[in-house]
Amino acid sequence: MRLPSLSEIETAAETVYAAMPPTPQYAWPLLAERAGCEVWVKHENHTPTGAFKVRGGLVYMADLAGGGARIPGVITATRGNHGQSVAFAARRYGIRAVICVPEGNAVEKNAAMRAFGGELLVEGHDFQAAREHAEMLAAREGLHMLASYDERLVRGVASYPLELFRSVPDLDRVYVPVGLGSGITATLAARDALGLKTEVVGVVAEGAPAYKLSFEAGKPVSTNEAVTIADGMACRVPEPEAVEVLLKGVAEIVALSEEEIAEAMRVLYTDTHNLAEGAGAAALAACLKQRDRNRGRKVGVMLCGGNVDASLFRDVLAKA
């Protein structure tokens, strides 16, 4: 996949900013003490849906609405943040949105998707099963299948790393959680568009290692399951186009234990009083895991979302 140019990202950003302002990036001193380096947090938990994906949804829906195509609606599969993005943006452009989620999905993410106007369907034991069901319904009912990884989504999402890099252009490295790949490919796009040398490091969960395995093998590698507290990273079938982009531009991919992710959720709460879901805390977890390598450097971490169920977060805090 061709990464978007600077002008294309800036045009997408204009669409995003019609619906929301840029999000902040802060250097938190307590995080710096823990990590032994200057840590800049990009707060995508401060968007209207509490996660970065809303940016891609807005650009995708604007493109769909502007294209004049007559469709009965869009359909997608999600673990939550992508679905909220689709529902939020679809309502803005007057488009019907059907959203498939797997069984046992986060209760509060499901509620948010419904509140934004999404028609929720529960199907399948994991994201991949829900995705296959969505594809079947799209073919049967003539709905527009909106994948979780698409060039238009990447264009919109790239507006957030562009904000970070323009605010802090001298970052030595930046950690980005990997779900299906839109966030990290967008980060590579923004970095390259600005001509920066910042290292981009992907982050996955040990229980969902598909992208790390793919990076090491030099080709897409699927797994039989993807089980992790970080549901936004629970991918078992990687996107070939995303893998191709990562192989060209990512420095490395770090895998985290469940406890490392949970500890970072606690740290973000105690040190910054920000709520982070598992995927949202993963970048900081990787930074802390590699503290010896980062000592004295300037590091960015993407807090990509804060949509964690209260019951799960209560359990995470209780195990401190």
C-alpha atoms as a PDB file:
ATOM      1  CA  MET A   1       0.000   0.000   0.000  1.00  0.00           C
ATOM      2  CA  ARG A   2       1.234   3.488  -0.863  1.00  0.00           C
ATOM      3  CA  LEU A   3       1.495   5.667   2.223  1.00  0.00           C
ATOM      4  CA  PRO A   4      -0.263   9.056   2.048  1.00  0.00           C
ATOM      5  CA  SER A   5       1.777  12.158   1.298  1.00  0.00           C
ATOM      6  CA  LEU A   6       2.015  15.193   3.569  1.00  0.00           C
ATOM      7  CA  SER A   7      -0.566  17.111   1.541  1.00  0.00           C
ATOM      8  CA  GLU A   8      -2.945  14.147   1.649  1.00  0.00           C
ATOM      9  CA  ILE A   9      -2.578  13.853   5.423  1.00  0.00           C
ATOM     10  CA  GLU A  10      -3.130  17.594   5.850  1.00  0.00           C
ATOM     11  CA  THR A  11      -6.271  17.448   3.712  1.00  0.00           C
ATOM     12  CA  ALA A  12      -7.549  14.524   5.778  1.00  0.00           C
ATOM     13  CA  ALA A  13      -6.766  16.481   8.939  1.00  0.00           C
ATOM     14  CA  GLU A  14      -9.059  19.286   7.771  1.00  0.00           C
ATOM     15  CA  THR A  15     -11.907  16.766   7.590  1.00  0.00           C
ATOM     16  CA  VAL A  16     -11.044  15.507  11.067  1.00  0.00           C
ATOM     17  CA  TYR A  17     -10.859  19.013  12.561  1.00  0.00           C
ATOM     18  CA  ALA A  18     -14.338  19.836  11.277  1.00  0.00           C
ATOM     19  CA  ALA A  19     -15.594  17.342  13.871  1.00  0.00           C
ATOM     20  CA  MET A  20     -12.994  17.541  16.668  1.00  0.00           C
ATOM     21  CA  PRO A  21      -9.922  19.537  17.736  1.00  0.00           C
ATOM     22  CA  PRO A  22      -6.363  18.182  17.756  1.00  0.00           C
ATOM     23  CA  THR A  23      -5.488  16.150  20.843  1.00  0.00           C
ATOM     24  CA  PRO A  24      -2.722  17.169  23.267  1.00  0.00           C
ATOM     25  CA  GLN A  25       0.696  15.660  23.869  1.00  0.00           C
ATOM     26  CA  TYR A  26       2.277  16.087  27.272  1.00  0.00           C
ATOM     27  CA  ALA A  27       5.639  15.222  28.816  1.00  0.00           C
ATOM     28  CA  TRP A  28       4.715  13.811  32.237  1.00  0.00           C
ATOM     29  CA  PRO A  29       7.486  14.145  34.869  1.00  0.00           C
ATOM     30  CA  LEU A  30       6.494  11.077  36.907  1.00  0.00           C
ATOM     31  CA  LEU A  31       6.638   8.934  33.789  1.00  0.00           C
ATOM     32  CA  ALA A  32      10.087  10.360  33.062  1.00  0.00           C
ATOM     33  CA  GLU A  33      11.250   9.305  36.531  1.00  0.00           C
ATOM     34  CA  ARG A  34      10.009   5.760  35.954  1.00  0.00           C
ATOM     35  CA  ALA A  35      11.336   5.412  32.429  1.00  0.00           C
ATOM     36  CA  GLY A  36      14.640   7.232  32.835  1.00  0.00           C
ATOM     37  CA  CYS A  37      13.896   9.307  29.765  1.00  0.00           C
ATOM     38  CA  GLU A  38      11.691  12.158  28.580  1.00  0.00           C
ATOM     39  CA  VAL A  39       8.280  10.602  27.835  1.00  0.00           C
ATOM     40  CA  TRP A  40       5.743  12.356  25.629  1.00  0.00           C
ATOM     41  CA  VAL A  41       2.235  10.879  25.743  1.00  0.00           C
ATOM     42  CA  LYS A  42      -0.048  11.452  22.743  1.00  0.00           C
ATOM     43  CA  HIS A  43      -3.533  11.580  24.239  1.00  0.00           C
ATOM     44  CA  GLU A  44      -5.849   9.937  21.730  1.00  0.00           C
ATOM     45  CA  ASN A  45      -8.015   9.012  24.719  1.00  0.00           C
ATOM     46  CA  HIS A  46      -9.232  12.630  24.437  1.00  0.00           C
ATOM     47  CA  THR A  47     -11.163  12.240  21.161  1.00  0.00           C
ATOM     48  CA  PRO A  48     -15.000  12.239  20.961  1.00  0.00           C
ATOM     49  CA  THR A  49     -14.977   8.422  21.001  1.00  0.00           C
ATOM     50  CA  GLY A  50     -12.080   8.042  23.427  1.00  0.00           C
ATOM     51  CA  ALA A  51      -9.769   6.520  20.807  1.00  0.00           C
ATOM     52  CA  PHE A  52      -7.701   7.405  17.738  1.00  0.00           C
ATOM     53  CA  LYS A  53      -9.782   5.490  15.224  1.00  0.00           C
ATOM     54  CA  VAL A  54     -12.451   8.191  14.991  1.00  0.00           C
ATOM     55  CA  ARG A  55     -10.106  10.115  12.715  1.00  0.00           C
ATOM     56  CA  GLY A  56     -10.065   7.370  10.102  1.00  0.00           C
ATOM     57  CA  GLY A  57     -13.816   6.890  10.269  1.00  0.00           C
ATOM     58  CA  LEU A  58     -14.439  10.572   9.609  1.00  0.00           C
ATOM     59  CA  VAL A  59     -12.232  10.604   6.524  1.00  0.00           C
ATOM     60  CA  TYR A  60     -13.656   7.333   5.206  1.00  0.00           C
ATOM     61  CA  MET A  61     -17.270   8.457   5.601  1.00  0.00           C
ATOM     62  CA  ALA A  62     -16.553  11.864   4.086  1.00  0.00           C
ATOM     63  CA  ASP A  63     -15.040  10.120   1.073  1.00  0.00           C
ATOM     64  CA  LEU A  64     -18.005   7.749   0.825  1.00  0.00           C
ATOM     65  CA  ALA A  65     -20.558  10.541   1.118  1.00  0.00           C
ATOM     66  CA  GLY A  66     -18.709  12.723  -1.369  1.00  0.00           C
ATOM     67  CA  GLY A  67     -18.513   9.926  -3.915  1.00  0.00           C
ATOM     68  CA  GLY A  68     -22.260   9.952  -4.528  1.00  0.00           C
ATOM     69  CA  ALA A  69     -22.612   6.175  -4.269  1.00  0.00           C
ATOM     70  CA  ARG A  70     -26.077   4.950  -3.288  1.00  0.00           C
ATOM     71  CA  ILE A  71     -25.747   2.213  -0.699  1.00  0.00           C
ATOM     72  CA  PRO A  72     -28.154   0.897   1.948  1.00  0.00           C
ATOM     73  CA  GLY A  73     -25.470   1.382   4.583  1.00  0.00           C
ATOM     74  CA  VAL A  74     -22.053   0.240   5.739  1.00  0.00           C
ATOM     75  CA  ILE A  75     -21.106  -2.809   7.767  1.00  0.00           C
ATOM     76  CA  THR A  76     -17.948  -3.526   9.705  1.00  0.00           C
ATOM     77  CA  ALA A  77     -16.486  -5.772  12.383  1.00  0.00           C
ATOM     78  CA  THR A  78     -14.764  -4.539  15.500  1.00  0.00           C
ATOM     79  CA  ARG A  79     -13.756  -5.065  19.113  1.00  0.00           C
ATOM     80  CA  GLY A  80     -15.022  -1.559  19.841  1.00  0.00           C
ATOM     81  CA  ASN A  81     -12.972   1.510  18.930  1.00  0.00           C
ATOM     82  CA  HIS A  82     -13.218   1.061  15.162  1.00  0.00           C
ATOM     83  CA  GLY A  83     -16.949   0.449  15.583  1.00  0.00           C
ATOM     84  CA  GLN A  84     -17.389   3.635  17.591  1.00  0.00           C
ATOM     85  CA  SER A  85     -15.512   5.501  14.880  1.00  0.00           C
ATOM     86  CA  VAL A  86     -17.774   4.107  12.164  1.00  0.00           C
ATOM     87  CA  ALA A  87     -20.965   4.810  14.125  1.00  0.00           C
ATOM     88  CA  PHE A  88     -19.873   8.349  15.048  1.00  0.00           C
ATOM     89  CA  ALA A  89     -18.853   9.259  11.494  1.00  0.00           C
ATOM     90  CA  ALA A  90     -21.792   7.506   9.833  1.00  0.00           C
ATOM     91  CA  ARG A  91     -24.258   9.493  11.924  1.00  0.00           C
ATOM     92  CA  ARG A  92     -22.467  12.715  10.958  1.00  0.00           C
ATOM     93  CA  TYR A  93     -22.910  11.909   7.260  1.00  0.00           C
ATOM     94  CA  GLY A  94     -26.379  10.361   7.490  1.00  0.00           C
ATOM     95  CA  ILE A  95     -25.289   6.809   6.670  1.00  0.00           C
ATOM     96  CA  ARG A  96     -26.652   3.629   8.256  1.00  0.00           C
ATOM     97  CA  ALA A  97     -23.985   1.657  10.163  1.00  0.00           C
ATOM     98  CA  VAL A  98     -24.207  -2.054  11.023  1.00  0.00           C
ATOM     99  CA  ILE A  99     -21.490  -3.251  13.398  1.00  0.00           C
ATOM    100  CA  CYS A 100     -20.556  -6.866  14.146  1.00  0.00           C
ATOM    101  CA  VAL A 101     -18.794  -7.653  17.433  1.00  0.00           C
ATOM    102  CA  PRO A 102     -17.702 -11.011  18.869  1.00  0.00           C
ATOM    103  CA  GLU A 103     -19.329 -12.668  21.849  1.00  0.00           C
ATOM    104  CA  GLY A 104     -18.085 -11.386  25.192  1.00  0.00           C
ATOM    105  CA  ASN A 105     -17.097  -8.014  23.772  1.00  0.00           C
ATOM    106  CA  ALA A 106     -16.546  -5.074  26.135  1.00  0.00           C
ATOM    107  CA  VAL A 107     -19.928  -4.073  27.549  1.00  0.00           C
ATOM    108  CA  GLU A 108     -19.212  -0.358  27.637  1.00  0.00           C
ATOM    109  CA  LYS A 109     -17.789  -0.267  24.110  1.00  0.00           C
ATOM    110  CA  ASN A 110     -20.950  -2.007  22.905  1.00  0.00           C
ATOM    111  CA  ALA A 111     -23.085   0.581  24.705  1.00  0.00           C
ATOM    112  CA  ALA A 112     -21.097   3.434  23.165  1.00  0.00           C
ATOM    113  CA  MET A 113     -21.474   2.049  19.638  1.00  0.00           C
ATOM    114  CA  ARG A 114     -25.246   1.860  20.106  1.00  0.00           C
ATOM    115  CA  ALA A 115     -25.314   5.372  21.562  1.00  0.00           C
ATOM    116  CA  PHE A 116     -23.500   6.715  18.497  1.00  0.00           C
ATOM    117  CA  GLY A 117     -26.207   5.154  16.308  1.00  0.00           C
ATOM    118  CA  GLY A 118     -24.651   1.834  15.325  1.00  0.00           C
ATOM    119  CA  GLU A 119     -26.818  -1.249  14.816  1.00  0.00           C
ATOM    120  CA  LEU A 120     -24.982  -3.870  16.850  1.00  0.00           C
ATOM    121  CA  LEU A 121     -24.835  -7.566  15.929  1.00  0.00           C
ATOM    122  CA  VAL A 122     -23.074 -10.100  18.170  1.00  0.00           C
ATOM    123  CA  GLU A 123     -21.558 -12.960  16.183  1.00  0.00           C
ATOM    124  CA  GLY A 124     -18.534 -15.241  16.511  1.00  0.00           C
ATOM    125  CA  HIS A 125     -16.035 -16.199  19.194  1.00  0.00           C
ATOM    126  CA  ASP A 126     -13.432 -13.577  18.229  1.00  0.00           C
ATOM    127  CA  PHE A 127     -12.815 -10.606  15.940  1.00  0.00           C
ATOM    128  CA  GLN A 128     -11.942 -12.722  12.897  1.00  0.00           C
ATOM    129  CA  ALA A 129     -15.203 -14.671  13.187  1.00  0.00           C
ATOM    130  CA  ALA A 130     -17.178 -11.435  13.530  1.00  0.00           C
ATOM    131  CA  ARG A 131     -15.358 -10.061  10.483  1.00  0.00           C
ATOM    132  CA  GLU A 132     -16.251 -13.095   8.376  1.00  0.00           C
ATOM    133  CA  HIS A 133     -19.901 -12.735   9.419  1.00  0.00           C
ATOM    134  CA  ALA A 134     -19.856  -9.063   8.421  1.00  0.00           C
ATOM    135  CA  GLU A 135     -18.428  -9.955   5.016  1.00  0.00           C
ATOM    136  CA  MET A 136     -21.202 -12.522   4.517  1.00  0.00           C
ATOM    137  CA  LEU A 137     -23.911  -9.985   5.406  1.00  0.00           C
ATOM    138  CA  ALA A 138     -22.335  -7.366   3.143  1.00  0.00           C
ATOM    139  CA  ALA A 139     -22.548  -9.730   0.177  1.00  0.00           C
ATOM    140  CA  ARG A 140     -26.086 -10.863   1.046  1.00  0.00           C
ATOM    141  CA  GLU A 141     -27.628  -7.478   1.793  1.00  0.00           C
ATOM    142  CA  GLY A 142     -25.640  -5.182  -0.471  1.00  0.00           C
ATOM    143  CA  LEU A 143     -24.052  -3.287   2.418  1.00  0.00           C
ATOM    144  CA  HIS A 144     -20.722  -1.542   1.904  1.00  0.00           C
ATOM    145  CA  MET A 145     -18.064  -3.592   3.713  1.00  0.00           C
ATOM    146  CA  LEU A 146     -15.856  -1.242   5.687  1.00  0.00           C
ATOM    147  CA  ALA A 147     -12.655  -3.027   6.628  1.00  0.00           C
ATOM    148  CA  SER A 148     -10.628  -2.154   9.724  1.00  0.00           C
ATOM    149  CA  TYR A 149      -7.598  -1.503   7.533  1.00  0.00           C
ATOM    150  CA  ASP A 150      -7.917   0.757   4.497  1.00  0.00           C
ATOM    151  CA  GLU A 151      -5.936   3.549   2.862  1.00  0.00           C
ATOM    152  CA  ARG A 152      -8.651   6.089   3.716  1.00  0.00           C
ATOM    153  CA  LEU A 153      -8.555   5.074   7.366  1.00  0.00           C
ATOM    154  CA  VAL A 154      -4.773   5.395   7.425  1.00  0.00           C
ATOM    155  CA  ARG A 155      -5.005   8.873   5.882  1.00  0.00           C
ATOM    156  CA  GLY A 156      -7.300  10.076   8.647  1.00  0.00           C
ATOM    157  CA  VAL A 157      -5.437   8.350  11.448  1.00  0.00           C
ATOM    158  CA  ALA A 158      -2.149   9.874  10.254  1.00  0.00           C
ATOM    159  CA  SER A 159      -3.389  13.265  11.438  1.00  0.00           C
ATOM    160  CA  TYR A 160      -2.599  12.291  15.041  1.00  0.00           C
ATOM    161  CA  PRO A 161       1.077  11.315  14.657  1.00  0.00           C
ATOM    162  CA  LEU A 162       1.436  14.382  12.439  1.00  0.00           C
ATOM    163  CA  GLU A 163       0.318  16.499  15.418  1.00  0.00           C
ATOM    164  CA  LEU A 164       2.800  14.758  17.700  1.00  0.00           C
ATOM    165  CA  PHE A 165       5.751  15.002  15.313  1.00  0.00           C
ATOM    166  CA  ARG A 166       5.108  18.677  14.591  1.00  0.00           C
ATOM    167  CA  SER A 167       4.888  19.442  18.298  1.00  0.00           C
ATOM    168  CA  VAL A 168       7.918  17.307  19.249  1.00  0.00           C
ATOM    169  CA  PRO A 169       9.995  16.856  16.064  1.00  0.00           C
ATOM    170  CA  ASP A 170      13.121  15.610  17.851  1.00  0.00           C
ATOM    171  CA  LEU A 171      11.730  12.356  19.272  1.00  0.00           C
ATOM    172  CA  ASP A 172      14.298   9.568  19.210  1.00  0.00           C
ATOM    173  CA  ARG A 173      11.683   6.836  19.060  1.00  0.00           C
ATOM    174  CA  VAL A 174       7.945   6.353  19.333  1.00  0.00           C
ATOM    175  CA  TYR A 175       6.047   3.272  20.504  1.00  0.00           C
ATOM    176  CA  VAL A 176       2.799   2.360  18.752  1.00  0.00           C
ATOM    177  CA  PRO A 177       0.386  -0.488  19.619  1.00  0.00           C
ATOM    178  CA  VAL A 178      -0.529  -2.772  16.716  1.00  0.00           C
ATOM    179  CA  GLY A 179      -4.064  -4.060  16.182  1.00  0.00           C
ATOM    180  CA  LEU A 180      -4.684  -4.487  12.466  1.00  0.00           C
ATOM    181  CA  GLY A 181      -2.105  -1.874  11.568  1.00  0.00           C
ATOM    182  CA  SER A 182      -3.749   1.479  10.788  1.00  0.00           C
ATOM    183  CA  GLY A 183      -2.138   3.255  13.736  1.00  0.00           C
ATOM    184  CA  ILE A 184       1.420   2.171  13.098  1.00  0.00           C
ATOM    185  CA  THR A 185       1.299   2.561   9.317  1.00  0.00           C
ATOM    186  CA  ALA A 186      -0.170   6.046   9.838  1.00  0.00           C
ATOM    187  CA  THR A 187       2.717   6.843  12.189  1.00  0.00           C
ATOM    188  CA  LEU A 188       5.218   5.718   9.563  1.00  0.00           C
ATOM    189  CA  ALA A 189       3.389   7.826   6.965  1.00  0.00           C
ATOM    190  CA  ALA A 190       3.538  10.977   9.098  1.00  0.00           C
ATOM    191  CA  ARG A 191       7.182  10.422  10.015  1.00  0.00           C
ATOM    192  CA  ASP A 192       8.230   9.871   6.414  1.00  0.00           C
ATOM    193  CA  ALA A 193       6.108  12.771   5.141  1.00  0.00           C
ATOM    194  CA  LEU A 194       7.963  15.116   7.500  1.00  0.00           C
ATOM    195  CA  GLY A 195      11.364  13.591   6.680  1.00  0.00           C
ATOM    196  CA  LEU A 196      12.120  12.654  10.288  1.00  0.00           C
ATOM    197  CA  LYS A 197      14.488   9.941  11.527  1.00  0.00           C
ATOM    198  CA  THR A 198      12.428   8.887  14.565  1.00  0.00           C
ATOM    199  CA  GLU A 199      12.476   5.133  15.179  1.00  0.00           C
ATOM    200  CA  VAL A 200       8.989   3.608  15.145  1.00  0.00           C
ATOM    201  CA  VAL A 201       8.536   0.568  17.385  1.00  0.00           C
ATOM    202  CA  GLY A 202       5.468  -1.668  17.177  1.00  0.00           C
ATOM    203  CA  VAL A 203       3.924  -3.202  20.277  1.00  0.00           C
ATOM    204  CA  VAL A 204       1.894  -6.419  20.544  1.00  0.00           C
ATOM    205  CA  ALA A 205       0.688  -8.699  23.324  1.00  0.00           C
ATOM    206  CA  GLU A 206       2.343 -12.069  23.864  1.00  0.00           C
ATOM    207  CA  GLY A 207      -1.131 -13.593  23.601  1.00  0.00           C
ATOM    208  CA  ALA A 208      -1.681 -11.973  20.188  1.00  0.00           C
ATOM    209  CA  PRO A 209       1.727 -12.098  18.472  1.00  0.00           C
ATOM    210  CA  ALA A 210       0.671 -12.256  14.799  1.00  0.00           C
ATOM    211  CA  TYR A 211       2.398  -9.038  13.766  1.00  0.00           C
ATOM    212  CA  LYS A 212       5.602  -9.816  15.640  1.00  0.00           C
ATOM    213  CA  LEU A 213       5.708 -13.258  14.040  1.00  0.00           C
ATOM    214  CA  SER A 214       5.020 -11.672  10.652  1.00  0.00           C
ATOM    215  CA  PHE A 215       7.765  -9.073  11.158  1.00  0.00           C
ATOM    216  CA  GLU A 216      10.275 -11.763  12.077  1.00  0.00           C
ATOM    217  CA  ALA A 217       9.245 -14.044   9.201  1.00  0.00           C
ATOM    218  CA  GLY A 218       9.112 -11.267   6.623  1.00  0.00           C
ATOM    219  CA  LYS A 219       5.590 -12.255   5.572  1.00  0.00           C
ATOM    220  CA  PRO A 220       2.073 -12.466   7.094  1.00  0.00           C
ATOM    221  CA  VAL A 221       1.807 -15.145   9.786  1.00  0.00           C
ATOM    222  CA  SER A 222      -1.571 -15.957  11.359  1.00  0.00           C
ATOM    223  CA  THR A 223      -2.183 -17.539  14.750  1.00  0.00           C
ATOM    224  CA  ASN A 224      -4.940 -19.849  15.967  1.00  0.00           C
ATOM    225  CA  GLU A 225      -6.039 -17.473  18.700  1.00  0.00           C
ATOM    226  CA  ALA A 226      -5.496 -13.978  20.058  1.00  0.00           C
ATOM    227  CA  VAL A 227      -6.231 -13.696  23.759  1.00  0.00           C
ATOM    228  CA  THR A 228      -5.210 -10.607  25.719  1.00  0.00           C
ATOM    229  CA  ILE A 229      -6.481  -7.959  28.105  1.00  0.00           C
ATOM    230  CA  ALA A 230      -5.675  -5.513  25.306  1.00  0.00           C
ATOM    231  CA  ASP A 231      -8.657  -6.269  23.070  1.00  0.00           C
ATOM    232  CA  GLY A 232      -7.594  -3.579  20.608  1.00  0.00           C
ATOM    233  CA  MET A 233      -4.521  -5.685  19.818  1.00  0.00           C
ATOM    234  CA  ALA A 234      -6.313  -9.061  19.708  1.00  0.00           C
ATOM    235  CA  CYS A 235      -5.493  -9.842  16.070  1.00  0.00           C
ATOM    236  CA  ARG A 236      -4.762 -13.364  14.810  1.00  0.00           C
ATOM    237  CA  VAL A 237      -4.870 -12.725  11.029  1.00  0.00           C
ATOM    238  CA  PRO A 238      -2.630  -9.792  10.008  1.00  0.00           C
ATOM    239  CA  GLU A 239      -3.301  -7.558   7.015  1.00  0.00           C
ATOM    240  CA  PRO A 240      -0.786  -8.309   4.228  1.00  0.00           C
ATOM    241  CA  GLU A 241      -0.610  -4.652   3.167  1.00  0.00           C
ATOM    242  CA  ALA A 242       0.110  -3.561   6.732  1.00  0.00           C
ATOM    243  CA  VAL A 243       2.808  -6.213   7.115  1.00  0.00           C
ATOM    244  CA  GLU A 244       4.459  -4.958   3.916  1.00  0.00           C
ATOM    245  CA  VAL A 245       4.558  -1.399   5.273  1.00  0.00           C
ATOM    246  CA  LEU A 246       5.886  -2.495   8.681  1.00  0.00           C
ATOM    247  CA  LEU A 247       8.689  -4.521   7.133  1.00  0.00           C
ATOM    248  CA  LYS A 248       9.952  -1.407   5.352  1.00  0.00           C
ATOM    249  CA  GLY A 249       9.691   1.119   8.139  1.00  0.00           C
ATOM    250  CA  VAL A 250       9.495  -0.326  11.661  1.00  0.00           C
ATOM    251  CA  ALA A 251      12.617  -0.652  13.795  1.00  0.00           C
ATOM    252  CA  GLU A 252      11.325  -3.609  15.834  1.00  0.00           C
ATOM    253  CA  ILE A 253       8.218  -5.088  17.433  1.00  0.00           C
ATOM    254  CA  VAL A 254       8.057  -5.632  21.188  1.00  0.00           C
ATOM    255  CA  ALA A 255       5.808  -8.275  22.802  1.00  0.00           C
ATOM    256  CA  LEU A 256       4.305  -7.667  26.254  1.00  0.00           C
ATOM    257  CA  SER A 257       3.021  -9.936  28.980  1.00  0.00           C
ATOM    258  CA  GLU A 258      -0.446  -9.375  30.388  1.00  0.00           C
ATOM    259  CA  GLU A 259       1.050  -8.126  33.652  1.00  0.00           C
ATOM    260  CA  GLU A 260       3.246  -5.598  31.838  1.00  0.00           C
ATOM    261  CA  ILE A 261       0.166  -4.211  30.091  1.00  0.00           C
ATOM    262  CA  ALA A 262      -1.843  -4.106  33.324  1.00  0.00           C
ATOM    263  CA  GLU A 263       0.997  -2.392  35.186  1.00  0.00           C
ATOM    264  CA  ALA A 264       1.153   0.316  32.518  1.00  0.00           C
ATOM    265  CA  MET A 265      -2.595   0.867  32.880  1.00  0.00           C
ATOM    266  CA  ARG A 266      -2.045   1.418  36.594  1.00  0.00           C
ATOM    267  CA  VAL A 267       0.952   3.677  36.011  1.00  0.00           C
ATOM    268  CA  LEU A 268      -0.914   5.922  33.583  1.00  0.00           C
ATOM    269  CA  TYR A 269      -3.663   6.299  36.144  1.00  0.00           C
ATOM    270  CA  THR A 270      -1.407   7.026  39.122  1.00  0.00           C
ATOM    271  CA  ASP A 271       1.170   9.190  37.305  1.00  0.00           C
ATOM    272  CA  THR A 272      -1.115  11.125  34.929  1.00  0.00           C
ATOM    273  CA  HIS A 273      -4.658  10.343  36.104  1.00  0.00           C
ATOM    274  CA  ASN A 274      -5.575   9.268  32.590  1.00  0.00           C
ATOM    275  CA  LEU A 275      -7.631   6.184  31.860  1.00  0.00           C
ATOM    276  CA  ALA A 276      -6.066   3.762  29.392  1.00  0.00           C
ATOM    277  CA  GLU A 277      -7.444   0.525  28.003  1.00  0.00           C
ATOM    278  CA  GLY A 278      -4.987  -2.319  27.488  1.00  0.00           C
ATOM    279  CA  ALA A 279      -3.976  -1.288  23.986  1.00  0.00           C
ATOM    280  CA  GLY A 280      -3.804   2.334  25.117  1.00  0.00           C
ATOM    281  CA  ALA A 281      -1.280   1.454  27.827  1.00  0.00           C
ATOM    282  CA  ALA A 282       0.794  -0.905  25.681  1.00  0.00           C
ATOM    283  CA  ALA A 283       3.098   1.760  24.233  1.00  0.00           C
ATOM    284  CA  LEU A 284       4.091   2.953  27.703  1.00  0.00           C
ATOM    285  CA  ALA A 285       4.535  -0.667  28.822  1.00  0.00           C
ATOM    286  CA  ALA A 286       7.010  -1.225  25.994  1.00  0.00           C
ATOM    287  CA  CYS A 287       8.855   1.991  26.836  1.00  0.00           C
ATOM    288  CA  LEU A 288       9.208   0.884  30.452  1.00  0.00           C
ATOM    289  CA  LYS A 289      10.285  -2.594  29.366  1.00  0.00           C
ATOM    290  CA  GLN A 290      13.091  -1.056  27.318  1.00  0.00           C
ATOM    291  CA  ARG A 291      14.084   1.584  29.879  1.00  0.00           C
ATOM    292  CA  ASP A 292      17.777   0.658  29.652  1.00  0.00           C
ATOM    293  CA  ARG A 293      17.787   1.300  25.896  1.00  0.00           C
ATOM    294  CA  ASN A 294      15.867   4.558  26.241  1.00  0.00           C
ATOM    295  CA  ARG A 295      17.826   6.119  29.090  1.00  0.00           C
ATOM    296  CA  GLY A 296      18.406   9.814  28.467  1.00  0.00           C
ATOM    297  CA  ARG A 297      16.463   9.805  25.205  1.00  0.00           C
ATOM    298  CA  LYS A 298      13.245  11.550  24.130  1.00  0.00           C
ATOM    299  CA  VAL A 299      10.453   9.021  23.582  1.00  0.00           C
ATOM    300  CA  GLY A 300       6.850   9.207  22.402  1.00  0.00           C
ATOM    301  CA  VAL A 301       4.119   6.772  23.463  1.00  0.00           C
ATOM    302  CA  MET A 302       0.718   6.575  21.801  1.00  0.00           C
ATOM    303  CA  LEU A 303      -2.104   6.387  24.345  1.00  0.00           C
ATOM    304  CA  CYS A 304      -4.414   5.224  21.580  1.00  0.00           C
ATOM    305  CA  GLY A 305      -7.583   4.756  23.649  1.00  0.00           C
ATOM    306  CA  GLY A 306      -9.154   4.882  27.084  1.00  0.00           C
ATOM    307  CA  ASN A 307     -12.233   2.719  26.581  1.00  0.00           C
ATOM    308  CA  VAL A 308     -11.909   0.086  29.294  1.00  0.00           C
ATOM    309  CA  ASP A 309     -14.864  -1.437  31.132  1.00  0.00           C
ATOM    310  CA  ALA A 310     -15.132  -0.313  34.747  1.00  0.00           C
ATOM    311  CA  SER A 311     -15.165  -3.894  36.027  1.00  0.00           C
ATOM    312  CA  LEU A 312     -11.941  -4.768  34.197  1.00  0.00           C
ATOM    313  CA  PHE A 313     -10.190  -1.586  35.283  1.00  0.00           C
ATOM    314  CA  ARG A 314     -11.270  -2.195  38.879  1.00  0.00           C
ATOM    315  CA  ASP A 315      -9.634  -5.618  38.738  1.00  0.00           C
ATOM    316  CA  VAL A 316      -6.454  -4.141  37.242  1.00  0.00           C
ATOM    317  CA  LEU A 317      -6.195  -1.519  39.981  1.00  0.00           C
ATOM    318  CA  ALA A 318      -6.936  -4.059  42.706  1.00  0.00           C
ATOM    319  CA  LYS A 319      -3.890  -6.129  41.718  1.00  0.00           C
ATOM    320  CA  ALA A 320      -1.442  -3.273  42.235  1.00  0.00           C
END
